[in-house]
């Protein structure tokens, strides 16, 4: 098992946002994290990468044990070295070119030489179809193009897992497809991904696992095929029914 997460709990004041969340991830898994707004999906993903500090819970990553509540800076750095995070609002530096955005983490964070960083960045940008835009600034790009640059930035770090936090939610409908196509390609190439998403076609057809959350808890988890064909829990069935009705 690449990643084992156990009993993650988190409160904001008196509000419980994560109530004992557990998850297993094997290499090559594409896990779609589904659920209504406010169910704790994004907070859970952010806790995995220590962007939020959970109140309790443990993680085993590549055989190394971590405590979410008490992990030290060096431990967090080791986790982040193996992971990358793609945000829903891109989080690109507006005053830097596409190439500079993708190489910054390599040169400043990883201490890589500029020419080596640019070579790796070009490889990642080609993969997402953005190799012709290296000198462009984010303001000159569409939302879909900006998100593809953000994915290239994640890929350039050579992570073991990429966390995607609703990567298409800020996009106009006609731009969603280009981002999902890149993610589908990554899945086919065996990239391990955890994806918080409202894109049900992606969850059904690209992910191999689903974790459905509601009210700060995991309601159901298992294979995507089984979840969409025959969900076990009534709350899961309600969720899928609501999706179907919204489409009709």
Protein backbone atom coordinates (compact mmCIF):
# COMPACT_ATOMS: atom_id res chain seq x y z
CA UNK A 1 0.00 0.00 0.00
CA UNK A 2 1.43 3.39 -0.99
CA UNK A 3 -0.70 5.50 1.37
CA UNK A 4 -2.73 4.53 4.44
CA UNK A 5 -4.72 7.25 6.19
CA UNK A 6 -6.47 6.53 9.47
CA UNK A 7 -9.04 8.35 11.60
CA UNK A 8 -8.46 11.95 10.49
CA UNK A 9 -10.39 14.43 12.61
CA UNK A 10 -10.66 18.18 12.26
CA UNK A 11 -12.77 20.92 13.83
CA UNK A 12 -13.07 24.61 13.02
CA UNK A 13 -14.21 25.95 16.37
CA UNK A 14 -17.28 23.92 17.32
CA UNK A 15 -17.86 22.73 13.75
CA UNK A 16 -16.68 19.20 13.01
CA UNK A 17 -15.48 19.07 9.39
CA UNK A 18 -13.72 15.67 9.46
CA UNK A 19 -15.02 12.94 11.73
CA UNK A 20 -12.71 9.93 11.55
CA UNK A 21 -11.79 9.75 7.83
CA UNK A 22 -9.72 6.77 6.64
CA UNK A 23 -8.44 5.93 3.16
CA UNK A 24 -6.12 3.42 1.44
CA UNK A 25 -4.33 4.28 -1.80
CA UNK A 26 -2.37 1.86 -3.94
CA UNK A 27 0.09 2.90 -6.64
CA UNK A 28 -1.81 3.81 -9.81
CA UNK A 29 -5.14 4.39 -8.06
CA UNK A 30 -7.31 7.26 -9.26
CA UNK A 31 -9.63 7.97 -6.34
CA UNK A 32 -12.54 10.36 -6.84
CA UNK A 33 -13.64 12.05 -3.62
CA UNK A 34 -17.32 12.90 -4.02
CA UNK A 35 -20.00 14.52 -1.92
CA UNK A 36 -22.14 17.62 -1.50
CA UNK A 37 -20.60 21.01 -0.76
CA UNK A 38 -19.55 21.32 2.88
CA UNK A 39 -18.98 17.60 3.39
CA UNK A 40 -15.27 18.03 4.20
CA UNK A 41 -13.72 16.87 0.91
CA UNK A 42 -11.35 19.79 0.34
CA UNK A 43 -10.36 20.00 4.00
CA UNK A 44 -9.45 16.30 3.96
CA UNK A 45 -7.30 16.74 0.85
CA UNK A 46 -5.55 19.77 2.34
CA UNK A 47 -4.86 17.87 5.56
CA UNK A 48 -3.15 15.09 3.61
CA UNK A 49 -0.59 17.59 2.36
CA UNK A 50 -0.45 19.57 5.64
CA UNK A 51 -1.96 22.66 4.05
CA UNK A 52 -4.40 22.33 6.94
CA UNK A 53 -3.35 20.83 10.27
CA UNK A 54 -5.71 18.04 11.33
CA UNK A 55 -6.48 17.65 15.03
CA UNK A 56 -5.68 13.93 14.99
CA UNK A 57 -5.11 10.97 12.73
CA UNK A 58 -2.16 9.12 11.23
CA UNK A 59 -0.69 8.43 7.83
CA UNK A 60 1.69 5.78 6.52
CA UNK A 61 3.31 6.94 3.28
CA UNK A 62 5.77 4.56 1.60
CA UNK A 63 6.20 2.76 4.92
CA UNK A 64 6.96 5.93 6.93
CA UNK A 65 4.57 6.89 9.75
CA UNK A 66 3.32 10.44 10.29
CA UNK A 67 1.01 12.09 12.81
CA UNK A 68 -1.22 14.76 11.31
CA UNK A 69 -1.37 16.70 14.56
CA UNK A 70 2.29 16.62 15.54
CA UNK A 71 4.38 16.11 12.38
CA UNK A 72 7.54 18.25 12.42
CA UNK A 73 8.62 20.56 9.60
CA UNK A 74 11.14 18.04 8.27
CA UNK A 75 8.51 15.32 8.19
CA UNK A 76 6.08 17.58 6.35
CA UNK A 77 8.82 18.43 3.86
CA UNK A 78 9.37 14.71 3.19
CA UNK A 79 5.66 14.24 2.50
CA UNK A 80 5.49 17.24 0.20
CA UNK A 81 8.54 16.06 -1.72
CA UNK A 82 6.49 13.03 -2.81
CA UNK A 83 3.26 14.89 -3.55
CA UNK A 84 1.90 17.76 -5.62
CA UNK A 85 -1.28 19.80 -5.21
CA UNK A 86 -3.42 21.27 -8.00
CA UNK A 87 -5.72 24.01 -6.72
CA UNK A 88 -9.12 24.95 -8.13
CA UNK A 89 -7.98 28.55 -8.73
CA UNK A 90 -4.63 27.64 -10.35
CA UNK A 91 -2.42 29.55 -7.85
CA UNK A 92 -0.04 30.74 -10.57
CA UNK A 93 2.24 33.75 -10.03
CA UNK A 94 0.75 36.48 -12.22
CA UNK A 95 4.09 38.31 -12.57
CA UNK A 96 5.92 35.24 -13.87
CA UNK A 97 5.85 33.52 -17.24
CA UNK A 98 4.58 29.99 -17.76
CA UNK A 99 8.15 28.68 -17.74
CA UNK A 100 9.00 30.60 -14.57
CA UNK A 101 5.86 29.32 -12.84
CA UNK A 102 6.74 25.71 -13.62
CA UNK A 103 10.46 25.95 -12.79
CA UNK A 104 10.22 28.00 -9.59
CA UNK A 105 9.58 25.03 -7.32
CA UNK A 106 12.42 23.12 -8.95
CA UNK A 107 15.04 25.85 -8.63
CA UNK A 108 14.00 27.48 -5.35
CA UNK A 109 12.43 24.51 -3.58
CA UNK A 110 14.50 21.60 -4.89
CA UNK A 111 17.73 23.47 -5.65
CA UNK A 112 17.86 22.28 -9.26
CA UNK A 113 20.03 24.08 -11.83
CA UNK A 114 18.11 26.38 -14.17
CA UNK A 115 18.83 24.49 -17.40
CA UNK A 116 17.85 21.16 -15.84
CA UNK A 117 14.70 22.68 -14.39
CA UNK A 118 13.73 24.17 -17.76
CA UNK A 119 14.29 20.83 -19.49
CA UNK A 120 12.01 19.09 -17.00
CA UNK A 121 9.45 21.90 -17.25
CA UNK A 122 9.35 21.61 -21.05
CA UNK A 123 8.68 17.89 -20.80
CA UNK A 124 5.76 18.56 -18.44
CA UNK A 125 4.40 21.42 -20.57
CA UNK A 126 4.48 19.24 -23.70
CA UNK A 127 2.49 16.59 -21.86
CA UNK A 128 -0.31 19.07 -21.11
CA UNK A 129 -0.20 20.75 -24.53
CA UNK A 130 1.30 24.05 -23.35
CA UNK A 131 4.81 23.93 -24.82
CA UNK A 132 4.08 26.88 -27.14
CA UNK A 133 3.17 29.19 -24.25
CA UNK A 134 6.39 29.21 -22.21
CA UNK A 135 6.85 33.00 -22.52
CA UNK A 136 3.21 33.86 -21.83
CA UNK A 137 1.96 35.31 -18.56
CA UNK A 138 -1.13 33.85 -16.83
CA UNK A 139 -3.28 36.88 -17.75
CA UNK A 140 -2.71 35.99 -21.43
CA UNK A 141 -4.11 32.47 -20.96
CA UNK A 142 -7.61 31.05 -20.66
CA UNK A 143 -8.65 29.40 -17.41
CA UNK A 144 -8.21 25.98 -18.96
CA UNK A 145 -4.71 26.85 -20.13
CA UNK A 146 -3.81 28.20 -16.68
CA UNK A 147 -5.00 24.99 -15.05
CA UNK A 148 -2.97 22.94 -17.52
CA UNK A 149 0.10 24.98 -16.56
CA UNK A 150 -0.70 24.26 -12.91
CA UNK A 151 -0.84 20.54 -13.72
CA UNK A 152 2.50 20.83 -15.57
CA UNK A 153 3.97 22.50 -12.48
CA UNK A 154 2.78 19.55 -10.41
CA UNK A 155 4.14 16.99 -12.88
CA UNK A 156 7.53 18.71 -13.05
CA UNK A 157 8.05 17.92 -9.36
CA UNK A 158 7.91 14.20 -10.25
CA UNK A 159 5.44 13.38 -7.45
CA UNK A 160 4.26 9.94 -6.40
CA UNK A 161 0.72 11.30 -5.85
CA UNK A 162 -1.06 14.36 -7.22
CA UNK A 163 -3.91 15.86 -5.20
CA UNK A 164 -6.52 17.70 -7.30
CA UNK A 165 -8.93 20.02 -5.48
CA UNK A 166 -11.93 20.51 -7.79
CA UNK A 167 -9.60 21.31 -10.72
CA UNK A 168 -12.43 22.27 -13.11
CA UNK A 169 -14.78 24.15 -10.77
CA UNK A 170 -13.45 27.61 -11.69
CA UNK A 171 -13.62 26.96 -15.44
CA UNK A 172 -16.22 27.92 -18.03
CA UNK A 173 -18.04 24.79 -19.28
CA UNK A 174 -16.31 24.81 -22.69
CA UNK A 175 -12.86 24.71 -21.04
CA UNK A 176 -13.50 21.82 -18.66
CA UNK A 177 -12.92 19.16 -21.31
CA UNK A 178 -9.32 20.15 -22.04
CA UNK A 179 -8.35 19.80 -18.38
CA UNK A 180 -10.19 16.50 -17.92
CA UNK A 181 -8.49 15.16 -21.07
CA UNK A 182 -5.08 15.82 -19.51
CA UNK A 183 -6.15 14.12 -16.28
CA UNK A 184 -7.49 11.14 -18.20
CA UNK A 185 -4.14 10.83 -19.98
CA UNK A 186 -2.29 10.91 -16.66
CA UNK A 187 -4.59 8.19 -15.30
CA UNK A 188 -3.92 6.02 -18.34
CA UNK A 189 -0.17 6.46 -17.77
CA UNK A 190 -0.52 5.20 -14.20
CA UNK A 191 -0.27 8.43 -12.20
CA UNK A 192 -1.67 8.04 -8.69
CA UNK A 193 -4.29 10.74 -8.11
CA UNK A 194 -6.78 11.83 -5.46
CA UNK A 195 -9.40 14.05 -7.05
CA UNK A 196 -12.05 16.08 -5.27
CA UNK A 197 -14.54 16.60 -8.08
CA UNK A 198 -18.12 17.24 -9.11
CA UNK A 199 -17.41 15.81 -12.58
CA UNK A 200 -19.37 12.58 -12.39
CA UNK A 201 -18.38 11.31 -15.85
CA UNK A 202 -14.73 11.57 -14.82
CA UNK A 203 -15.46 9.79 -11.54
CA UNK A 204 -17.40 7.04 -13.30
CA UNK A 205 -15.15 6.49 -16.32
CA UNK A 206 -11.62 7.45 -15.24
CA UNK A 207 -11.31 6.82 -11.51
CA UNK A 208 -11.07 3.25 -10.26
CA UNK A 209 -12.12 4.11 -6.69
CA UNK A 210 -14.68 6.40 -5.10
CA UNK A 211 -14.88 7.84 -1.60
CA UNK A 212 -18.28 9.44 -0.96
CA UNK A 213 -18.43 11.91 1.94
CA UNK A 214 -21.29 13.69 3.65
CA UNK A 215 -21.56 15.41 7.02
CA UNK A 216 -17.82 15.11 7.72
CA UNK A 217 -17.91 11.31 7.40
CA UNK A 218 -17.20 8.68 4.75
CA UNK A 219 -20.59 7.27 3.80
CA UNK A 220 -19.31 4.75 1.29
CA UNK A 221 -16.06 3.82 -0.45
CA UNK A 222 -15.08 1.18 -2.97
CA UNK A 223 -14.76 0.64 -6.69
CA UNK A 224 -16.18 3.32 -8.98
CA UNK A 225 -17.97 0.73 -11.06
CA UNK A 226 -19.82 -0.68 -8.04
CA UNK A 227 -20.58 2.73 -6.56
CA UNK A 228 -22.30 4.01 -9.70
CA UNK A 229 -23.96 0.71 -10.62
CA UNK A 230 -25.19 -0.40 -7.21
CA UNK A 231 -24.42 1.94 -4.29
CA UNK A 232 -24.80 0.21 -0.93
CA UNK A 233 -25.96 3.14 1.22
CA UNK A 234 -29.24 5.02 0.90
CA UNK A 235 -27.43 8.38 1.11
CA UNK A 236 -25.24 7.32 -1.84
CA UNK A 237 -28.32 6.33 -3.82
CA UNK A 238 -29.91 9.72 -3.08
CA UNK A 239 -26.75 11.47 -4.32
CA UNK A 240 -26.68 9.54 -7.60
CA UNK A 241 -30.42 10.05 -8.11
CA UNK A 242 -29.98 13.80 -7.65
CA UNK A 243 -27.19 13.84 -10.25
CA UNK A 244 -29.36 11.99 -12.77
CA UNK A 245 -32.31 14.32 -12.15
CA UNK A 246 -30.11 17.39 -12.58
CA UNK A 247 -29.07 16.12 -16.01
CA UNK A 248 -32.60 15.47 -17.22
